[in-house]
């Protein structure tokens, strides 16, 4: 994915989800969407292979699950926040580095 297209897509995702564009470090940007009790973070794969990933953070910016990025795939921007919140709500961290995603793949 061309860098310009990637940046435009992230900006459009922020506008559609009601979130804000956030610097993630290393030149990456993501979308920060406030929720109740946690913040949904969304990031688009720059290599154009995997689509969107999400994770959740507390109000102070700490991750709720240390090693967890949930793959959403190629979700339409109009369903992106719902898909991300659903993935976070359905996710169960076992605490030993394994993640139970028994709810199956995320669908919007």
PDB file of N, CA and C in Angstrom:
ATOM      1  N   UNK A   1       0.854  -1.170   0.000  1.00  0.00           N
ATOM      2  CA  UNK A   1       0.000   0.000   0.000  1.00  0.00           C
ATOM      3  C   UNK A   1       0.895   1.226   0.000  1.00  0.00           C
ATOM      4  N   UNK A   2       0.613   2.147  -0.883  1.00  0.00           N
ATOM      5  CA  UNK A   2       1.383   3.391  -0.905  1.00  0.00           C
ATOM      6  C   UNK A   2       1.178   4.139   0.405  1.00  0.00           C
ATOM      7  N   UNK A   3       2.239   4.773   0.861  1.00  0.00           N
ATOM      8  CA  UNK A   3       2.193   5.474   2.145  1.00  0.00           C
ATOM      9  C   UNK A   3       1.093   6.540   2.175  1.00  0.00           C
ATOM     10  N   UNK A   4       0.934   7.264   1.094  1.00  0.00           N
ATOM     11  CA  UNK A   4      -0.088   8.325   1.045  1.00  0.00           C
ATOM     12  C   UNK A   4      -1.491   7.733   1.198  1.00  0.00           C
ATOM     13  N   UNK A   5      -1.732   6.611   0.527  1.00  0.00           N
ATOM     14  CA  UNK A   5      -3.043   5.956   0.618  1.00  0.00           C
ATOM     15  C   UNK A   5      -3.274   5.409   2.022  1.00  0.00           C
ATOM     16  N   UNK A   6      -2.210   4.853   2.619  1.00  0.00           N
ATOM     17  CA  UNK A   6      -2.300   4.339   3.986  1.00  0.00           C
ATOM     18  C   UNK A   6      -2.684   5.470   4.947  1.00  0.00           C
ATOM     19  N   UNK A   7      -2.005   6.624   4.838  1.00  0.00           N
ATOM     20  CA  UNK A   7      -2.312   7.763   5.710  1.00  0.00           C
ATOM     21  C   UNK A   7      -3.738   8.260   5.508  1.00  0.00           C
ATOM     22  N   UNK A   8      -4.174   8.357   4.265  1.00  0.00           N
ATOM     23  CA  UNK A   8      -5.550   8.799   3.986  1.00  0.00           C
ATOM     24  C   UNK A   8      -6.578   7.829   4.563  1.00  0.00           C
ATOM     25  N   UNK A   9      -6.293   6.548   4.469  1.00  0.00           N
ATOM     26  CA  UNK A   9      -7.217   5.540   5.000  1.00  0.00           C
ATOM     27  C   UNK A   9      -7.306   5.629   6.515  1.00  0.00           C
ATOM     28  N   UNK A  10      -6.178   5.821   7.185  1.00  0.00           N
ATOM     29  CA  UNK A  10      -6.182   5.974   8.646  1.00  0.00           C
ATOM     30  C   UNK A  10      -6.960   7.228   9.039  1.00  0.00           C
ATOM     31  N   UNK A  11      -6.742   8.320   8.329  1.00  0.00           N
ATOM     32  CA  UNK A  11      -7.470   9.563   8.626  1.00  0.00           C
ATOM     33  C   UNK A  11      -8.968   9.402   8.395  1.00  0.00           C
ATOM     34  N   UNK A  12      -9.336   8.720   7.319  1.00  0.00           N
ATOM     35  CA  UNK A  12     -10.752   8.488   7.042  1.00  0.00           C
ATOM     36  C   UNK A  12     -11.372   7.587   8.103  1.00  0.00           C
ATOM     37  N   UNK A  13     -10.624   6.579   8.545  1.00  0.00           N
ATOM     38  CA  UNK A  13     -11.116   5.691   9.601  1.00  0.00           C
ATOM     39  C   UNK A  13     -11.375   6.470  10.887  1.00  0.00           C
ATOM     40  N   UNK A  14     -10.496   7.405  11.213  1.00  0.00           N
ATOM     41  CA  UNK A  14     -10.702   8.229  12.408  1.00  0.00           C
ATOM     42  C   UNK A  14     -11.980   9.049  12.280  1.00  0.00           C
ATOM     43  N   UNK A  15     -12.197   9.631  11.115  1.00  0.00           N
ATOM     44  CA  UNK A  15     -13.397  10.445  10.909  1.00  0.00           C
ATOM     45  C   UNK A  15     -14.665   9.591  10.986  1.00  0.00           C
ATOM     46  N   UNK A  16     -14.636   8.412  10.371  1.00  0.00           N
ATOM     47  CA  UNK A  16     -15.823   7.549  10.334  1.00  0.00           C
ATOM     48  C   UNK A  16     -16.142   6.964  11.710  1.00  0.00           C
ATOM     49  N   UNK A  17     -15.115   6.608  12.485  1.00  0.00           N
ATOM     50  CA  UNK A  17     -15.324   5.963  13.785  1.00  0.00           C
ATOM     51  C   UNK A  17     -15.549   6.949  14.927  1.00  0.00           C
ATOM     52  N   UNK A  18     -15.335   8.243  14.664  1.00  0.00           N
ATOM     53  CA  UNK A  18     -15.431   9.225  15.738  1.00  0.00           C
ATOM     54  C   UNK A  18     -14.186   9.245  16.601  1.00  0.00           C
ATOM     55  N   UNK A  19     -13.106   8.665  16.091  1.00  0.00           N
ATOM     56  CA  UNK A  19     -11.861   8.608  16.837  1.00  0.00           C
ATOM     57  C   UNK A  19     -10.902   9.703  16.412  1.00  0.00           C
ATOM     58  N   UNK A  20      -9.678   9.578  16.875  1.00  0.00           N
ATOM     59  CA  UNK A  20      -8.619  10.523  16.528  1.00  0.00           C
ATOM     60  C   UNK A  20      -7.411   9.748  16.026  1.00  0.00           C
ATOM     61  N   UNK A  21      -6.630  10.373  15.160  1.00  0.00           N
ATOM     62  CA  UNK A  21      -5.393   9.770  14.680  1.00  0.00           C
ATOM     63  C   UNK A  21      -4.336   9.939  15.770  1.00  0.00           C
ATOM     64  N   UNK A  22      -3.659   8.850  16.099  1.00  0.00           N
ATOM     65  CA  UNK A  22      -2.641   8.849  17.145  1.00  0.00           C
ATOM     66  C   UNK A  22      -1.325   8.331  16.586  1.00  0.00           C
ATOM     67  N   UNK A  23      -0.220   8.932  17.011  1.00  0.00           N
ATOM     68  CA  UNK A  23       1.112   8.444  16.667  1.00  0.00           C
ATOM     69  C   UNK A  23       1.387   7.201  17.512  1.00  0.00           C
ATOM     70  N   UNK A  24       1.811   6.116  16.871  1.00  0.00           N
ATOM     71  CA  UNK A  24       2.084   4.875  17.586  1.00  0.00           C
ATOM     72  C   UNK A  24       3.572   4.612  17.741  1.00  0.00           C
ATOM     73  N   UNK A  25       4.390   5.408  17.080  1.00  0.00           N
ATOM     74  CA  UNK A  25       5.832   5.212  17.140  1.00  0.00           C
ATOM     75  C   UNK A  25       6.334   4.548  15.866  1.00  0.00           C
ATOM     76  N   UNK A  26       7.564   4.808  15.531  1.00  0.00           N
ATOM     77  CA  UNK A  26       8.172   4.200  14.361  1.00  0.00           C
ATOM     78  C   UNK A  26       7.536   4.605  13.047  1.00  0.00           C
ATOM     79  N   UNK A  27       6.875   5.754  13.028  1.00  0.00           N
ATOM     80  CA  UNK A  27       6.227   6.215  11.815  1.00  0.00           C
ATOM     81  C   UNK A  27       4.820   5.679  11.616  1.00  0.00           C
ATOM     82  N   UNK A  28       4.385   4.823  12.519  1.00  0.00           N
ATOM     83  CA  UNK A  28       3.044   4.266  12.423  1.00  0.00           C
ATOM     84  C   UNK A  28       2.030   5.200  13.061  1.00  0.00           C
ATOM     85  N   UNK A  29       0.835   5.147  12.532  1.00  0.00           N
ATOM     86  CA  UNK A  29      -0.288   5.884  13.102  1.00  0.00           C
ATOM     87  C   UNK A  29      -1.443   4.915  13.272  1.00  0.00           C
ATOM     88  N   UNK A  30      -2.296   5.224  14.222  1.00  0.00           N
ATOM     89  CA  UNK A  30      -3.473   4.416  14.451  1.00  0.00           C
ATOM     90  C   UNK A  30      -4.650   5.314  14.769  1.00  0.00           C
ATOM     91  N   UNK A  31      -5.746   4.679  15.067  1.00  0.00           N
ATOM     92  CA  UNK A  31      -6.969   5.392  15.409  1.00  0.00           C
ATOM     93  C   UNK A  31      -7.331   5.049  16.847  1.00  0.00           C
ATOM     94  N   UNK A  32      -7.593   6.076  17.621  1.00  0.00           N
ATOM     95  CA  UNK A  32      -7.969   5.929  19.033  1.00  0.00           C
ATOM     96  C   UNK A  32      -9.452   6.247  19.150  1.00  0.00           C
ATOM     97  N   UNK A  33     -10.245   5.252  19.593  1.00  0.00           N
ATOM     98  CA  UNK A  33     -11.699   5.412  19.719  1.00  0.00           C
ATOM     99  C   UNK A  33     -12.073   5.217  21.192  1.00  0.00           C
ATOM    100  N   UNK A  34     -12.588   6.256  21.850  1.00  0.00           N
ATOM    101  CA  UNK A  34     -12.942   6.110  23.256  1.00  0.00           C
ATOM    102  C   UNK A  34     -14.142   5.178  23.443  1.00  0.00           C
ATOM    103  N   UNK A  35     -14.054   4.375  24.486  1.00  0.00           N
ATOM    104  CA  UNK A  35     -15.151   3.477  24.849  1.00  0.00           C
ATOM    105  C   UNK A  35     -15.469   3.646  26.319  1.00  0.00           C
ATOM    106  N   UNK A  36     -16.311   2.782  26.830  1.00  0.00           N
ATOM    107  CA  UNK A  36     -16.663   2.834  28.252  1.00  0.00           C
ATOM    108  C   UNK A  36     -15.687   1.969  29.046  1.00  0.00           C
ATOM    109  N   UNK A  37     -14.794   2.605  29.780  1.00  0.00           N
ATOM    110  CA  UNK A  37     -13.846   1.886  30.609  1.00  0.00           C
ATOM    111  C   UNK A  37     -12.528   1.545  29.934  1.00  0.00           C
ATOM    112  N   UNK A  38     -12.457   1.648  28.632  1.00  0.00           N
ATOM    113  CA  UNK A  38     -11.211   1.415  27.916  1.00  0.00           C
ATOM    114  C   UNK A  38     -11.264   2.142  26.576  1.00  0.00           C
ATOM    115  N   UNK A  39     -10.119   2.187  25.928  1.00  0.00           N
ATOM    116  CA  UNK A  39     -10.008   2.834  24.631  1.00  0.00           C
ATOM    117  C   UNK A  39      -9.679   1.788  23.586  1.00  0.00           C
ATOM    118  N   UNK A  40     -10.399   1.792  22.490  1.00  0.00           N
ATOM    119  CA  UNK A  40     -10.125   0.909  21.363  1.00  0.00           C
ATOM    120  C   UNK A  40      -9.049   1.552  20.496  1.00  0.00           C
ATOM    121  N   UNK A  41      -7.991   0.807  20.222  1.00  0.00           N
ATOM    122  CA  UNK A  41      -6.941   1.264  19.329  1.00  0.00           C
ATOM    123  C   UNK A  41      -7.001   0.426  18.064  1.00  0.00           C
ATOM    124  N   UNK A  42      -6.918   1.095  16.918  1.00  0.00           N
ATOM    125  CA  UNK A  42      -6.979   0.433  15.616  1.00  0.00           C
ATOM    126  C   UNK A  42      -5.744   0.782  14.810  1.00  0.00           C
ATOM    127  N   UNK A  43      -5.165  -0.188  14.134  1.00  0.00           N
ATOM    128  CA  UNK A  43      -3.999   0.057  13.290  1.00  0.00           C
ATOM    129  C   UNK A  43      -4.158  -0.708  11.987  1.00  0.00           C
ATOM    130  N   UNK A  44      -3.818  -0.047  10.896  1.00  0.00           N
ATOM    131  CA  UNK A  44      -3.891  -0.641   9.568  1.00  0.00           C
ATOM    132  C   UNK A  44      -2.517  -1.138   9.159  1.00  0.00           C
ATOM    133  N   UNK A  45      -2.438  -2.381   8.721  1.00  0.00           N
ATOM    134  CA  UNK A  45      -1.191  -2.975   8.253  1.00  0.00           C
ATOM    135  C   UNK A  45      -0.684  -2.207   7.039  1.00  0.00           C
ATOM    136  N   UNK A  46       0.523  -1.683   7.127  1.00  0.00           N
ATOM    137  CA  UNK A  46       1.088  -0.886   6.036  1.00  0.00           C
ATOM    138  C   UNK A  46       1.456  -1.727   4.822  1.00  0.00           C
ATOM    139  N   UNK A  47       1.642  -3.028   5.014  1.00  0.00           N
ATOM    140  CA  UNK A  47       2.056  -3.893   3.913  1.00  0.00           C
ATOM    141  C   UNK A  47       0.887  -4.371   3.065  1.00  0.00           C
ATOM    142  N   UNK A  48      -0.323  -3.950   3.416  1.00  0.00           N
ATOM    143  CA  UNK A  48      -1.505  -4.259   2.615  1.00  0.00           C
ATOM    144  C   UNK A  48      -1.827  -5.749   2.593  1.00  0.00           C
ATOM    145  N   UNK A  49      -1.450  -6.449   3.666  1.00  0.00           N
ATOM    146  CA  UNK A  49      -1.690  -7.888   3.698  1.00  0.00           C
ATOM    147  C   UNK A  49      -2.790  -8.283   4.669  1.00  0.00           C
ATOM    148  N   UNK A  50      -2.770  -7.729   5.850  1.00  0.00           N
ATOM    149  CA  UNK A  50      -3.628  -8.229   6.919  1.00  0.00           C
ATOM    150  C   UNK A  50      -4.790  -7.327   7.291  1.00  0.00           C
ATOM    151  N   UNK A  51      -4.860  -6.157   6.737  1.00  0.00           N
ATOM    152  CA  UNK A  51      -5.968  -5.265   7.080  1.00  0.00           C
ATOM    153  C   UNK A  51      -5.769  -4.617   8.439  1.00  0.00           C
ATOM    154  N   UNK A  52      -6.831  -4.569   9.208  1.00  0.00           N
ATOM    155  CA  UNK A  52      -6.845  -3.858  10.494  1.00  0.00           C
ATOM    156  C   UNK A  52      -6.569  -4.790  11.662  1.00  0.00           C
ATOM    157  N   UNK A  53      -5.896  -4.235  12.666  1.00  0.00           N
ATOM    158  CA  UNK A  53      -5.684  -4.884  13.959  1.00  0.00           C
ATOM    159  C   UNK A  53      -6.249  -3.974  15.040  1.00  0.00           C
ATOM    160  N   UNK A  54      -6.573  -4.553  16.181  1.00  0.00           N
ATOM    161  CA  UNK A  54      -7.032  -3.719  17.292  1.00  0.00           C
ATOM    162  C   UNK A  54      -6.478  -4.242  18.611  1.00  0.00           C
ATOM    163  N   UNK A  55      -6.501  -3.406  19.604  1.00  0.00           N
ATOM    164  CA  UNK A  55      -6.181  -3.752  20.989  1.00  0.00           C
ATOM    165  C   UNK A  55      -6.861  -2.725  21.863  1.00  0.00           C
ATOM    166  N   UNK A  56      -6.869  -2.975  23.158  1.00  0.00           N
ATOM    167  CA  UNK A  56      -7.494  -2.007  24.058  1.00  0.00           C
ATOM    168  C   UNK A  56      -6.492  -1.459  25.055  1.00  0.00           C
ATOM    169  N   UNK A  57      -6.748  -0.232  25.463  1.00  0.00           N
ATOM    170  CA  UNK A  57      -5.898   0.456  26.433  1.00  0.00           C
ATOM    171  C   UNK A  57      -6.761   1.064  27.521  1.00  0.00           C
ATOM    172  N   UNK A  58      -6.166   1.213  28.692  1.00  0.00           N
ATOM    173  CA  UNK A  58      -6.841   1.915  29.775  1.00  0.00           C
ATOM    174  C   UNK A  58      -6.739   3.412  29.517  1.00  0.00           C
ATOM    175  N   UNK A  59      -7.393   4.190  30.349  1.00  0.00           N
ATOM    176  CA  UNK A  59      -7.406   5.640  30.181  1.00  0.00           C
ATOM    177  C   UNK A  59      -5.998   6.226  30.210  1.00  0.00           C
ATOM    178  N   UNK A  60      -5.092   5.638  31.005  1.00  0.00           N
ATOM    179  CA  UNK A  60      -3.730   6.166  31.100  1.00  0.00           C
ATOM    180  C   UNK A  60      -2.805   5.675  29.979  1.00  0.00           C
ATOM    181  N   UNK A  61      -3.327   4.897  29.037  1.00  0.00           N
ATOM    182  CA  UNK A  61      -2.540   4.437  27.911  1.00  0.00           C
ATOM    183  C   UNK A  61      -1.907   3.066  28.082  1.00  0.00           C
ATOM    184  N   UNK A  62      -2.121   2.418  29.234  1.00  0.00           N
ATOM    185  CA  UNK A  62      -1.589   1.074  29.449  1.00  0.00           C
ATOM    186  C   UNK A  62      -2.439   0.068  28.675  1.00  0.00           C
ATOM    187  N   UNK A  63      -1.781  -0.954  28.160  1.00  0.00           N
ATOM    188  CA  UNK A  63      -2.531  -2.001  27.469  1.00  0.00           C
ATOM    189  C   UNK A  63      -3.236  -2.880  28.474  1.00  0.00           C
ATOM    190  N   UNK A  64      -4.436  -3.286  28.131  1.00  0.00           N
ATOM    191  CA  UNK A  64      -5.192  -4.184  29.003  1.00  0.00           C
ATOM    192  C   UNK A  64      -4.696  -5.618  28.878  1.00  0.00           C
ATOM    193  N   UNK A  65      -4.060  -5.949  27.778  1.00  0.00           N
ATOM    194  CA  UNK A  65      -3.553  -7.295  27.521  1.00  0.00           C
ATOM    195  C   UNK A  65      -2.199  -7.114  26.848  1.00  0.00           C
ATOM    196  N   UNK A  66      -1.121  -7.467  27.524  1.00  0.00           N
ATOM    197  CA  UNK A  66       0.225  -7.088  27.101  1.00  0.00           C
ATOM    198  C   UNK A  66       0.649  -7.520  25.697  1.00  0.00           C
ATOM    199  N   UNK A  67       0.342  -8.721  25.286  1.00  0.00           N
ATOM    200  CA  UNK A  67       0.852  -9.215  24.010  1.00  0.00           C
ATOM    201  C   UNK A  67      -0.248  -9.461  22.988  1.00  0.00           C
ATOM    202  N   UNK A  68      -1.264  -8.668  23.018  1.00  0.00           N
ATOM    203  CA  UNK A  68      -2.410  -9.005  22.199  1.00  0.00           C
ATOM    204  C   UNK A  68      -2.758  -7.943  21.170  1.00  0.00           C
ATOM    205  N   UNK A  69      -2.684  -8.340  19.919  1.00  0.00           N
ATOM    206  CA  UNK A  69      -3.242  -7.573  18.823  1.00  0.00           C
ATOM    207  C   UNK A  69      -4.277  -8.489  18.188  1.00  0.00           C
ATOM    208  N   UNK A  70      -5.490  -8.060  18.100  1.00  0.00           N
ATOM    209  CA  UNK A  70      -6.524  -8.878  17.486  1.00  0.00           C
ATOM    210  C   UNK A  70      -6.668  -8.501  16.018  1.00  0.00           C
ATOM    211  N   UNK A  71      -6.591  -9.487  15.154  1.00  0.00           N
ATOM    212  CA  UNK A  71      -6.690  -9.237  13.721  1.00  0.00           C
ATOM    213  C   UNK A  71      -8.162  -9.122  13.327  1.00  0.00           C
ATOM    214  N   UNK A  72      -8.502  -7.979  12.763  1.00  0.00           N
ATOM    215  CA  UNK A  72      -9.855  -7.770  12.264  1.00  0.00           C
ATOM    216  C   UNK A  72      -9.953  -8.076  10.775  1.00  0.00           C
ATOM    217  N   UNK A  73      -8.848  -7.913  10.071  1.00  0.00           N
ATOM    218  CA  UNK A  73      -8.855  -8.118   8.628  1.00  0.00           C
ATOM    219  C   UNK A  73      -9.367  -6.883   7.898  1.00  0.00           C
ATOM    220  N   UNK A  74      -9.893  -7.116   6.720  1.00  0.00           N
ATOM    221  CA  UNK A  74     -10.381  -6.016   5.882  1.00  0.00           C
ATOM    222  C   UNK A  74     -11.841  -5.751   6.189  1.00  0.00           C
ATOM    223  N   UNK A  75     -12.063  -4.871   7.129  1.00  0.00           N
ATOM    224  CA  UNK A  75     -13.402  -4.500   7.576  1.00  0.00           C
ATOM    225  C   UNK A  75     -13.774  -3.166   6.924  1.00  0.00           C
ATOM    226  N   UNK A  76     -14.999  -3.035   6.397  1.00  0.00           N
ATOM    227  CA  UNK A  76     -15.406  -1.724   5.880  1.00  0.00           C
ATOM    228  C   UNK A  76     -15.294  -0.669   6.985  1.00  0.00           C
ATOM    229  N   UNK A  77     -14.847   0.526   6.634  1.00  0.00           N
ATOM    230  CA  UNK A  77     -14.638   1.571   7.640  1.00  0.00           C
ATOM    231  C   UNK A  77     -15.910   1.868   8.423  1.00  0.00           C
ATOM    232  N   UNK A  78     -17.062   1.727   7.804  1.00  0.00           N
ATOM    233  CA  UNK A  78     -18.324   1.995   8.501  1.00  0.00           C
ATOM    234  C   UNK A  78     -18.621   0.963   9.585  1.00  0.00           C
ATOM    235  N   UNK A  79     -17.931  -0.186   9.557  1.00  0.00           N
ATOM    236  CA  UNK A  79     -18.124  -1.232  10.572  1.00  0.00           C
ATOM    237  C   UNK A  79     -16.898  -1.416  11.461  1.00  0.00           C
ATOM    238  N   UNK A  80     -15.883  -0.613  11.237  1.00  0.00           N
ATOM    239  CA  UNK A  80     -14.593  -0.829  11.896  1.00  0.00           C
ATOM    240  C   UNK A  80     -14.669  -0.719  13.416  1.00  0.00           C
ATOM    241  N   UNK A  81     -15.265   0.321  13.940  1.00  0.00           N
ATOM    242  CA  UNK A  81     -15.333   0.486  15.399  1.00  0.00           C
ATOM    243  C   UNK A  81     -16.161  -0.636  16.030  1.00  0.00           C
ATOM    244  N   UNK A  82     -17.283  -0.981  15.430  1.00  0.00           N
ATOM    245  CA  UNK A  82     -18.127  -2.054  15.968  1.00  0.00           C
ATOM    246  C   UNK A  82     -17.365  -3.374  15.965  1.00  0.00           C
ATOM    247  N   UNK A  83     -16.673  -3.665  14.864  1.00  0.00           N
ATOM    248  CA  UNK A  83     -15.894  -4.902  14.787  1.00  0.00           C
ATOM    249  C   UNK A  83     -14.789  -4.918  15.842  1.00  0.00           C
ATOM    250  N   UNK A  84     -14.129  -3.784  16.040  1.00  0.00           N
ATOM    251  CA  UNK A  84     -13.070  -3.701  17.042  1.00  0.00           C
ATOM    252  C   UNK A  84     -13.592  -3.874  18.455  1.00  0.00           C
ATOM    253  N   UNK A  85     -14.664  -3.161  18.796  1.00  0.00           N
ATOM    254  CA  UNK A  85     -15.240  -3.309  20.139  1.00  0.00           C
ATOM    255  C   UNK A  85     -15.730  -4.736  20.361  1.00  0.00           C
ATOM    256  N   UNK A  86     -16.367  -5.344  19.362  1.00  0.00           N
ATOM    257  CA  UNK A  86     -16.829  -6.729  19.492  1.00  0.00           C
ATOM    258  C   UNK A  86     -15.666  -7.684  19.719  1.00  0.00           C
ATOM    259  N   UNK A  87     -14.572  -7.492  18.982  1.00  0.00           N
ATOM    260  CA  UNK A  87     -13.401  -8.358  19.147  1.00  0.00           C
ATOM    261  C   UNK A  87     -12.824  -8.237  20.551  1.00  0.00           C
ATOM    262  N   UNK A  88     -12.733  -7.023  21.055  1.00  0.00           N
ATOM    263  CA  UNK A  88     -12.195  -6.800  22.398  1.00  0.00           C
ATOM    264  C   UNK A  88     -13.111  -7.427  23.454  1.00  0.00           C
ATOM    265  N   UNK A  89     -14.397  -7.234  23.317  1.00  0.00           N
ATOM    266  CA  UNK A  89     -15.354  -7.766  24.288  1.00  0.00           C
ATOM    267  C   UNK A  89     -15.344  -9.290  24.291  1.00  0.00           C
ATOM    268  N   UNK A  90     -15.204  -9.914  23.119  1.00  0.00           N
ATOM    269  CA  UNK A  90     -15.221 -11.376  23.013  1.00  0.00           C
ATOM    270  C   UNK A  90     -13.895 -12.021  23.384  1.00  0.00           C
ATOM    271  N   UNK A  91     -12.808 -11.254  23.361  1.00  0.00           N
ATOM    272  CA  UNK A  91     -11.469 -11.784  23.627  1.00  0.00           C
ATOM    273  C   UNK A  91     -11.302 -12.151  25.099  1.00  0.00           C
ATOM    274  N   UNK A  92     -10.643 -13.267  25.332  1.00  0.00           N
ATOM    275  CA  UNK A  92     -10.309 -13.688  26.690  1.00  0.00           C
ATOM    276  C   UNK A  92      -8.824 -13.998  26.755  1.00  0.00           C
ATOM    277  N   UNK A  93      -8.106 -13.246  27.584  1.00  0.00           N
ATOM    278  CA  UNK A  93      -6.684 -13.497  27.784  1.00  0.00           C
ATOM    279  C   UNK A  93      -6.549 -14.488  28.925  1.00  0.00           C
ATOM    280  N   UNK A  94      -5.768 -15.530  28.716  1.00  0.00           N
ATOM    281  CA  UNK A  94      -5.613 -16.557  29.748  1.00  0.00           C
ATOM    282  C   UNK A  94      -4.579 -16.182  30.795  1.00  0.00           C
ATOM    283  N   UNK A  95      -3.824 -15.094  30.548  1.00  0.00           N
ATOM    284  CA  UNK A  95      -2.837 -14.649  31.528  1.00  0.00           C
ATOM    285  C   UNK A  95      -1.488 -15.314  31.387  1.00  0.00           C
ATOM    286  N   UNK A  96      -1.368 -16.327  30.519  1.00  0.00           N
ATOM    287  CA  UNK A  96      -0.082 -16.999  30.343  1.00  0.00           C
ATOM    288  C   UNK A  96       0.500 -16.760  28.953  1.00  0.00           C
ATOM    289  N   UNK A  97       0.038 -15.702  28.323  1.00  0.00           N
ATOM    290  CA  UNK A  97       0.515 -15.387  26.978  1.00  0.00           C
ATOM    291  C   UNK A  97      -0.327 -15.971  25.876  1.00  0.00           C
ATOM    292  N   UNK A  98      -1.234 -16.894  26.245  1.00  0.00           N
ATOM    293  CA  UNK A  98      -2.134 -17.468  25.253  1.00  0.00           C
ATOM    294  C   UNK A  98      -3.424 -16.661  25.234  1.00  0.00           C
ATOM    295  N   UNK A  99      -4.085 -16.691  24.117  1.00  0.00           N
ATOM    296  CA  UNK A  99      -5.310 -15.923  23.966  1.00  0.00           C
ATOM    297  C   UNK A  99      -6.409 -16.809  23.445  1.00  0.00           C
ATOM    298  N   UNK A 100      -7.525 -16.821  24.152  1.00  0.00           N
ATOM    299  CA  UNK A 100      -8.667 -17.605  23.754  1.00  0.00           C
ATOM    300  C   UNK A 100      -9.563 -16.765  22.861  1.00  0.00           C
ATOM    301  N   UNK A 101      -9.584 -17.093  21.596  1.00  0.00           N
ATOM    302  CA  UNK A 101     -10.454 -16.386  20.670  1.00  0.00           C
ATOM    303  C   UNK A 101     -11.535 -17.357  20.226  1.00  0.00           C
ATOM    304  N   UNK A 102     -12.132 -18.042  21.198  1.00  0.00           N
ATOM    305  CA  UNK A 102     -13.133 -19.064  20.924  1.00  0.00           C
ATOM    306  C   UNK A 102     -14.362 -18.510  20.233  1.00  0.00           C
ATOM    307  N   UNK A 103     -14.539 -17.214  20.279  1.00  0.00           N
ATOM    308  CA  UNK A 103     -15.704 -16.627  19.636  1.00  0.00           C
ATOM    309  C   UNK A 103     -15.605 -16.716  18.122  1.00  0.00           C
ATOM    310  N   UNK A 104     -14.443 -17.104  17.616  1.00  0.00           N
ATOM    311  CA  UNK A 104     -14.278 -17.256  16.168  1.00  0.00           C
ATOM    312  C   UNK A 104     -13.820 -15.971  15.534  1.00  0.00           C
ATOM    313  N   UNK A 105     -13.761 -15.973  14.209  1.00  0.00           N
ATOM    314  CA  UNK A 105     -13.291 -14.774  13.513  1.00  0.00           C
ATOM    315  C   UNK A 105     -14.260 -13.622  13.695  1.00  0.00           C
ATOM    316  N   UNK A 106     -13.715 -12.451  13.657  1.00  0.00           N
ATOM    317  CA  UNK A 106     -14.527 -11.244  13.820  1.00  0.00           C
ATOM    318  C   UNK A 106     -15.258 -10.978  12.519  1.00  0.00           C
ATOM    319  N   UNK A 107     -16.541 -10.754  12.627  1.00  0.00           N
ATOM    320  CA  UNK A 107     -17.316 -10.383  11.459  1.00  0.00           C
ATOM    321  C   UNK A 107     -18.059  -9.114  11.765  1.00  0.00           C
ATOM    322  N   UNK A 108     -18.228  -8.311  10.762  1.00  0.00           N
ATOM    323  CA  UNK A 108     -18.927  -7.038  10.952  1.00  0.00           C
ATOM    324  C   UNK A 108     -20.342  -7.137  10.442  1.00  0.00           C
TER     325      UNK A 108
END
